[in-house]
C-alpha atoms as a PDB file:
ATOM      1  CA  MET A   1      -2.644  28.123-139.869  1.00  0.00           C
ATOM      2  CA  ASN A   2      -3.425  30.510-137.129  1.00  0.00           C
ATOM      3  CA  PRO A   3      -4.163  28.501-133.827  1.00  0.00           C
ATOM      4  CA  LEU A   4      -6.074  31.530-132.536  1.00  0.00           C
ATOM      5  CA  LYS A   5      -8.345  31.421-135.739  1.00  0.00           C
ATOM      6  CA  ASN A   6     -10.979  29.033-134.214  1.00  0.00           C
ATOM      7  CA  LEU A   7     -10.432  30.042-130.571  1.00  0.00           C
ATOM      8  CA  ILE A   8     -13.529  29.066-128.390  1.00  0.00           C
ATOM      9  CA  MET A   9     -13.651  32.559-126.073  1.00  0.00           C
ATOM     10  CA  PRO A  10     -14.102  31.004-122.378  1.00  0.00           C
ATOM     11  CA  ASN A  11     -17.889  31.319-120.517  1.00  0.00           C
ATOM     12  CA  GLN A  12     -16.531  33.022-117.564  1.00  0.00           C
ATOM     13  CA  TYR A  13     -15.274  36.699-117.266  1.00  0.00           C
ATOM     14  CA  ILE A  14     -14.009  38.347-114.502  1.00  0.00           C
ATOM     15  CA  ASN A  15     -16.907  41.360-113.334  1.00  0.00           C
ATOM     16  CA  ASN A  16     -14.522  44.028-112.368  1.00  0.00           C
ATOM     17  CA  TYR A  17     -13.277  44.470-115.887  1.00  0.00           C
ATOM     18  CA  GLY A  18     -16.438  44.652-117.449  1.00  0.00           C
ATOM     19  CA  ASN A  19     -18.539  42.452-120.080  1.00  0.00           C
ATOM     20  CA  SER A  20     -17.462  44.298-123.713  1.00  0.00           C
ATOM     21  CA  LYS A  21     -16.843  41.699-126.525  1.00  0.00           C
ATOM     22  CA  SER A  22     -13.633  43.371-127.010  1.00  0.00           C
ATOM     23  CA  ALA A  23     -12.604  42.374-123.130  1.00  0.00           C
ATOM     24  CA  ASN A  24     -13.743  39.078-124.197  1.00  0.00           C
ATOM     25  CA  PHE A  25     -11.632  39.002-126.802  1.00  0.00           C
ATOM     26  CA  ILE A  26      -8.680  40.492-125.658  1.00  0.00           C
ATOM     27  CA  ILE A  27      -8.389  37.274-122.718  1.00  0.00           C
ATOM     28  CA  GLY A  28      -9.204  34.945-124.729  1.00  0.00           C
ATOM     29  CA  HIS A  29      -6.150  35.062-127.607  1.00  0.00           C
ATOM     30  CA  THR A  30      -4.208  36.234-124.310  1.00  0.00           C
ATOM     31  CA  ILE A  31      -5.431  32.323-122.907  1.00  0.00           C
ATOM     32  CA  ALA A  32      -4.242  30.990-126.331  1.00  0.00           C
ATOM     33  CA  LEU A  33      -0.881  32.745-126.178  1.00  0.00           C
ATOM     34  CA  ILE A  34      -0.087  32.143-122.952  1.00  0.00           C
ATOM     35  CA  SER A  35      -0.939  28.066-123.502  1.00  0.00           C
ATOM     36  CA  MET A  36       1.473  28.415-126.656  1.00  0.00           C
ATOM     37  CA  TYR A  37       4.222  30.591-125.339  1.00  0.00           C
ATOM     38  CA  GLY A  38       4.194  30.323-121.291  1.00  0.00           C
ATOM     39  CA  TYR A  39       3.867  33.558-118.876  1.00  0.00           C
ATOM     40  CA  ASP A  40       6.674  34.740-119.010  1.00  0.00           C
ATOM     41  CA  HIS A  41       7.009  35.051-122.906  1.00  0.00           C
ATOM     42  CA  VAL A  42       3.321  36.944-123.096  1.00  0.00           C
ATOM     43  CA  THR A  43       3.858  40.588-123.228  1.00  0.00           C
ATOM     44  CA  LEU A  44       1.995  43.548-124.309  1.00  0.00           C
ATOM     45  CA  PRO A  45       2.742  44.046-127.666  1.00  0.00           C
ATOM     46  CA  LEU A  46       2.352  40.775-128.332  1.00  0.00           C
ATOM     47  CA  ILE A  47      -1.841  40.991-127.089  1.00  0.00           C
ATOM     48  CA  CYS A  48      -1.469  44.046-129.476  1.00  0.00           C
ATOM     49  CA  PHE A  49      -0.435  42.283-132.508  1.00  0.00           C
ATOM     50  CA  THR A  50      -2.768  39.167-132.219  1.00  0.00           C
ATOM     51  CA  THR A  51      -5.503  40.999-131.252  1.00  0.00           C
ATOM     52  CA  LYS A  52      -5.017  43.879-133.359  1.00  0.00           C
ATOM     53  CA  CYS A  53      -5.802  45.917-130.197  1.00  0.00           C
ATOM     54  CA  SER A  54      -4.321  49.781-129.429  1.00  0.00           C
ATOM     55  CA  LYS A  55      -2.283  49.733-126.232  1.00  0.00           C
ATOM     56  CA  SER A  56      -4.459  52.765-125.367  1.00  0.00           C
ATOM     57  CA  THR A  57      -7.148  49.693-125.411  1.00  0.00           C
ATOM     58  CA  ILE A  58      -5.888  47.414-123.301  1.00  0.00           C
ATOM     59  CA  MET A  59      -5.002  49.776-120.958  1.00  0.00           C
ATOM     60  CA  SER A  60      -8.110  51.484-120.792  1.00  0.00           C
ATOM     61  CA  LYS A  61      -9.749  47.586-120.142  1.00  0.00           C
ATOM     62  CA  PHE A  62      -7.474  46.528-117.626  1.00  0.00           C
ATOM     63  CA  GLY A  63      -4.530  48.978-116.708  1.00  0.00           C
ATOM     64  CA  GLY A  64      -1.669  46.696-117.731  1.00  0.00           C
ATOM     65  CA  LEU A  65      -0.345  43.291-118.774  1.00  0.00           C
ATOM     66  CA  LYS A  66       0.014  42.042-114.841  1.00  0.00           C
ATOM     67  CA  ASN A  67      -3.783  42.611-114.974  1.00  0.00           C
ATOM     68  CA  VAL A  68      -4.713  40.960-118.042  1.00  0.00           C
ATOM     69  CA  LEU A  69      -2.274  37.915-117.069  1.00  0.00           C
ATOM     70  CA  GLN A  70      -4.545  37.834-114.279  1.00  0.00           C
ATOM     71  CA  VAL A  71      -7.603  37.828-115.124  1.00  0.00           C
ATOM     72  CA  SER A  72      -6.707  35.290-117.996  1.00  0.00           C
ATOM     73  CA  LEU A  73      -5.732  32.727-115.154  1.00  0.00           C
ATOM     74  CA  ILE A  74      -8.914  33.219-113.248  1.00  0.00           C
ATOM     75  CA  THR A  75     -11.012  33.039-116.061  1.00  0.00           C
ATOM     76  CA  CYS A  76      -9.708  29.461-116.732  1.00  0.00           C
ATOM     77  CA  LEU A  77      -9.734  28.584-113.427  1.00  0.00           C
ATOM     78  CA  ASP A  78     -13.271  29.764-113.092  1.00  0.00           C
ATOM     79  CA  ASP A  79     -13.863  27.741-116.243  1.00  0.00           C
ATOM     80  CA  LEU A  80     -12.429  24.603-115.453  1.00  0.00           C
ATOM     81  CA  VAL A  81     -14.514  25.145-111.545  1.00  0.00           C
ATOM     82  CA  ASP A  82     -17.747  25.536-113.239  1.00  0.00           C
ATOM     83  CA  ASN A  83     -17.143  22.547-115.349  1.00  0.00           C
ATOM     84  CA  LEU A  84     -16.726  20.219-112.581  1.00  0.00           C
ATOM     85  CA  LYS A  85     -19.223  21.895-110.079  1.00  0.00           C
ATOM     86  CA  ARG A  86     -22.045  21.232-113.335  1.00  0.00           C
ATOM     87  CA  GLN A  87     -20.486  17.523-113.533  1.00  0.00           C
ATOM     88  CA  LEU A  88     -20.720  17.106-109.554  1.00  0.00           C
ATOM     89  CA  ARG A  89     -24.630  18.515-109.982  1.00  0.00           C
ATOM     90  CA  THR A  90     -25.396  15.956-113.431  1.00  0.00           C
ATOM     91  CA  ASN A  91     -23.460  13.153-112.703  1.00  0.00           C
ATOM     92  CA  ASP A  92     -24.082  12.898-109.091  1.00  0.00           C
ATOM     93  CA  THR A  93     -24.562   9.023-109.282  1.00  0.00           C
ATOM     94  CA  LEU A  94     -21.338   8.606-111.172  1.00  0.00           C
ATOM     95  CA  ILE A  95     -18.391  10.911-109.378  1.00  0.00           C
ATOM     96  CA  THR A  96     -18.427   8.633-106.334  1.00  0.00           C
ATOM     97  CA  SER A  97     -14.512   8.856-105.661  1.00  0.00           C
ATOM     98  CA  LEU A  98     -11.299  11.041-106.544  1.00  0.00           C
ATOM     99  CA  MET A  99     -10.843   8.714-109.344  1.00  0.00           C
ATOM    100  CA  ASP A 100     -13.831  10.138-110.711  1.00  0.00           C
ATOM    101  CA  ILE A 101     -13.055  13.791-110.289  1.00  0.00           C
ATOM    102  CA  TRP A 102      -9.542  13.142-112.254  1.00  0.00           C
ATOM    103  CA  HIS A 103     -11.489  11.473-115.260  1.00  0.00           C
ATOM    104  CA  GLN A 104     -13.604  14.679-115.288  1.00  0.00           C
ATOM    105  CA  ILE A 105     -10.240  16.892-114.964  1.00  0.00           C
ATOM    106  CA  ASN A 106      -8.837  14.511-118.070  1.00  0.00           C
ATOM    107  CA  ILE A 107     -12.311  15.161-120.150  1.00  0.00           C
ATOM    108  CA  TYR A 108     -11.597  19.131-119.670  1.00  0.00           C
ATOM    109  CA  ASN A 109      -8.142  18.741-120.937  1.00  0.00           C
ATOM    110  CA  PHE A 110      -8.795  16.796-124.018  1.00  0.00           C
ATOM    111  CA  ASN A 111     -11.474  20.023-124.478  1.00  0.00           C
ATOM    112  CA  HIS A 112     -10.292  22.782-123.623  1.00  0.00           C
ATOM    113  CA  THR A 113      -6.424  22.435-124.192  1.00  0.00           C
ATOM    114  CA  HIS A 114      -5.705  26.407-123.657  1.00  0.00           C
ATOM    115  CA  GLU A 115      -7.320  26.603-120.965  1.00  0.00           C
ATOM    116  CA  ALA A 116      -5.712  23.255-118.748  1.00  0.00           C
ATOM    117  CA  ASN A 117      -2.297  24.542-120.359  1.00  0.00           C
ATOM    118  CA  VAL A 118      -2.693  27.957-118.616  1.00  0.00           C
ATOM    119  CA  LEU A 119      -3.763  26.507-115.364  1.00  0.00           C
ATOM    120  CA  ILE A 120      -0.950  23.764-115.631  1.00  0.00           C
ATOM    121  CA  GLN A 121       1.548  26.352-116.193  1.00  0.00           C
ATOM    122  CA  TYR A 122       0.723  28.646-113.316  1.00  0.00           C
ATOM    123  CA  LEU A 123       0.367  24.979-111.125  1.00  0.00           C
ATOM    124  CA  ARG A 124       4.571  24.526-112.108  1.00  0.00           C
ATOM    125  CA  ASN A 125       5.041  27.833-110.922  1.00  0.00           C
ATOM    126  CA  PRO A 126       2.368  29.789-109.312  1.00  0.00           C
ATOM    127  CA  GLY A 127       5.135  33.043-108.673  1.00  0.00           C
ATOM    128  CA  VAL A 128       4.693  33.995-111.940  1.00  0.00           C
ATOM    129  CA  VAL A 129       1.665  35.351-111.672  1.00  0.00           C
ATOM    130  CA  ALA A 130      -0.026  36.949-107.407  1.00  0.00           C
ATOM    131  CA  ILE A 131      -3.589  35.707-107.413  1.00  0.00           C
ATOM    132  CA  PRO A 132      -4.036  36.256-103.628  1.00  0.00           C
ATOM    133  CA  ASP A 133      -7.420  34.733-103.199  1.00  0.00           C
ATOM    134  CA  LEU A 134      -6.589  31.999-105.718  1.00  0.00           C
ATOM    135  CA  LYS A 135      -6.886  29.209-102.991  1.00  0.00           C
ATOM    136  CA  MET A 136     -10.171  30.522-101.619  1.00  0.00           C
ATOM    137  CA  ARG A 137     -11.594  30.447-105.037  1.00  0.00           C
ATOM    138  CA  LEU A 138     -11.193  26.816-104.503  1.00  0.00           C
ATOM    139  CA  ASN A 139     -12.147  26.199-100.999  1.00  0.00           C
ATOM    140  CA  VAL A 140     -16.411  25.680-102.125  1.00  0.00           C
ATOM    141  CA  LEU A 141     -15.881  23.210-105.073  1.00  0.00           C
ATOM    142  CA  LEU A 142     -13.338  21.436-102.551  1.00  0.00           C
ATOM    143  CA  LYS A 143     -15.165  21.151 -99.575  1.00  0.00           C
ATOM    144  CA  GLN A 144     -18.234  20.266-102.181  1.00  0.00           C
ATOM    145  CA  ALA A 145     -16.434  17.355-104.318  1.00  0.00           C
ATOM    146  CA  PHE A 146     -13.827  16.303-101.379  1.00  0.00           C
ATOM    147  CA  ASP A 147     -16.893  16.303 -99.072  1.00  0.00           C
ATOM    148  CA  LYS A 148     -18.483  13.011-101.936  1.00  0.00           C
ATOM    149  CA  THR A 149     -15.764  11.366-102.760  1.00  0.00           C
ATOM    150  CA  GLU A 150     -12.648  11.651-100.116  1.00  0.00           C
ATOM    151  CA  LYS A 151     -13.795  13.038 -95.994  1.00  0.00           C
ATOM    152  CA  ASN A 152     -10.241  12.809 -95.145  1.00  0.00           C
ATOM    153  CA  LEU A 153      -9.550  15.692 -96.842  1.00  0.00           C
ATOM    154  CA  THR A 154     -12.818  17.770 -95.696  1.00  0.00           C
ATOM    155  CA  GLU A 155     -11.858  16.824 -92.145  1.00  0.00           C
ATOM    156  CA  LYS A 156      -8.291  17.913 -92.661  1.00  0.00           C
ATOM    157  CA  SER A 157     -10.019  21.476 -93.028  1.00  0.00           C
ATOM    158  CA  ASN A 158      -6.561  23.290 -93.945  1.00  0.00           C
ATOM    159  CA  PRO A 159      -6.440  24.553 -97.433  1.00  0.00           C
ATOM    160  CA  GLU A 160      -3.424  24.211 -98.296  1.00  0.00           C
ATOM    161  CA  ILE A 161      -3.988  19.991 -97.844  1.00  0.00           C
ATOM    162  CA  ARG A 162      -7.237  20.389-100.475  1.00  0.00           C
ATOM    163  CA  PHE A 163      -4.927  22.574-102.757  1.00  0.00           C
ATOM    164  CA  LEU A 164      -1.833  20.142-102.765  1.00  0.00           C
ATOM    165  CA  ALA A 165      -4.264  17.594-103.693  1.00  0.00           C
ATOM    166  CA  PHE A 166      -5.860  19.886-106.352  1.00  0.00           C
ATOM    167  CA  MET A 167      -2.692  20.907-107.615  1.00  0.00           C
ATOM    168  CA  SER A 168      -1.799  16.863-108.037  1.00  0.00           C
ATOM    169  CA  LEU A 169      -4.986  16.081-109.542  1.00  0.00           C
ATOM    170  CA  CYS A 170      -4.620  18.719-112.183  1.00  0.00           C
ATOM    171  CA  GLN A 171      -0.790  18.513-113.303  1.00  0.00           C
ATOM    172  CA  SER A 172      -1.261  14.415-113.034  1.00  0.00           C
ATOM    173  CA  ALA A 173      -4.573  14.396-115.192  1.00  0.00           C
ATOM    174  CA  ASN A 174      -2.183  17.022-117.689  1.00  0.00           C
ATOM    175  CA  TYR A 175       0.601  14.405-117.900  1.00  0.00           C
ATOM    176  CA  PHE A 176      -1.659  11.723-118.506  1.00  0.00           C
ATOM    177  CA  THR A 177      -3.717  12.986-120.898  1.00  0.00           C
ATOM    178  CA  GLN A 178      -0.761  15.450-123.288  1.00  0.00           C
ATOM    179  CA  LYS A 179       2.349  12.458-123.073  1.00  0.00           C
ATOM    180  CA  VAL A 180       0.613   9.051-122.322  1.00  0.00           C
ATOM    181  CA  CYS A 181      -2.796   9.352-124.533  1.00  0.00           C
ATOM    182  CA  LYS A 182      -0.892  10.711-127.353  1.00  0.00           C
ATOM    183  CA  SER A 183       1.779   8.440-127.360  1.00  0.00           C
ATOM    184  CA  SER A 184      -0.372   5.488-126.506  1.00  0.00           C
ATOM    185  CA  GLY A 185      -3.950   6.152-127.073  1.00  0.00           C
ATOM    186  CA  PHE A 186      -6.865   6.323-124.260  1.00  0.00           C
ATOM    187  CA  THR A 187      -8.622   3.788-122.533  1.00  0.00           C
ATOM    188  CA  ASP A 188     -10.813   3.097-119.692  1.00  0.00           C
ATOM    189  CA  ILE A 189      -8.363   0.459-118.318  1.00  0.00           C
ATOM    190  CA  LYS A 190      -5.081   2.671-119.081  1.00  0.00           C
ATOM    191  CA  GLU A 191      -6.681   5.447-117.535  1.00  0.00           C
ATOM    192  CA  ASN A 192      -7.690   3.701-113.958  1.00  0.00           C
ATOM    193  CA  GLU A 193      -4.086   1.492-114.320  1.00  0.00           C
ATOM    194  CA  TYR A 194      -2.135   4.885-113.827  1.00  0.00           C
ATOM    195  CA  TYR A 195      -4.363   6.423-111.210  1.00  0.00           C
ATOM    196  CA  ASP A 196      -4.201   3.372-109.407  1.00  0.00           C
ATOM    197  CA  LYS A 197      -0.462   3.744-110.008  1.00  0.00           C
ATOM    198  CA  HIS A 198       0.736   6.838-110.183  1.00  0.00           C
ATOM    199  CA  ILE A 199      -1.872   9.113-108.737  1.00  0.00           C
ATOM    200  CA  ALA A 200      -3.586   7.416-105.618  1.00  0.00           C
ATOM    201  CA  PRO A 201      -0.156   6.742-103.423  1.00  0.00           C
ATOM    202  CA  GLU A 202       0.544  10.685-104.180  1.00  0.00           C
ATOM    203  CA  ILE A 203      -2.470  11.532-102.530  1.00  0.00           C
ATOM    204  CA  GLU A 204      -2.133   9.391 -99.729  1.00  0.00           C
ATOM    205  CA  LYS A 205       0.992  11.091 -99.076  1.00  0.00           C
ATOM    206  CA  ILE A 206      -0.974  14.617 -99.292  1.00  0.00           C
ATOM    207  CA  LEU A 207      -3.390  13.225 -96.890  1.00  0.00           C
ATOM    208  CA  ALA A 208      -0.113  12.319 -94.267  1.00  0.00           C
ATOM    209  CA  LEU A 209       0.822  15.663 -94.200  1.00  0.00           C
ATOM    210  CA  PRO A 210       0.334  17.595 -91.063  1.00  0.00           C
ATOM    211  CA  VAL A 211      -2.443  20.068 -90.384  1.00  0.00           C
ATOM    212  CA  TYR A 212      -1.396  23.138 -89.276  1.00  0.00           C
END
């Protein structure tokens, strides 16, 4: 069975590289490849083989493997950010705590497995792909989300604090959906208990960090 056969292309795309179907096709398949094999094992020949695109086609659209990986990561980040923004906008009365945001990330992970895996692999090793303005990309969403659910994170205006909180929520959500739920199933009670036991204490530690 080809795991790429029914891949759903991400909705977002980086304007610098155009909006052609072939560019989106390449990025969608690269996201799946990163998800399955990891950044270090995704090569230009592998992307060419998987997409049936020539090296010259990929080079003309992206300039090289580094840019393909960067665009793939940013596409996944923007997809998650847009999803959370949409949830904050449409479920205003239901999202009132960091636990609610964590719940939305869990839902995202269930429905967007490849994109979630790409983000988690990056968060585990940020040096694998250099995105200079990555934290700035998160600031608007994090301020909006934390203004509503956790004033302490907004008052601590250092973007490092918000990024650490976001990283903690994403990593724990990935572990919860990939490990805990797969082994013993998902229930609201289990989700609440896991958050109270594992995530809430970690967020408290992050809030206690000094702000420079």
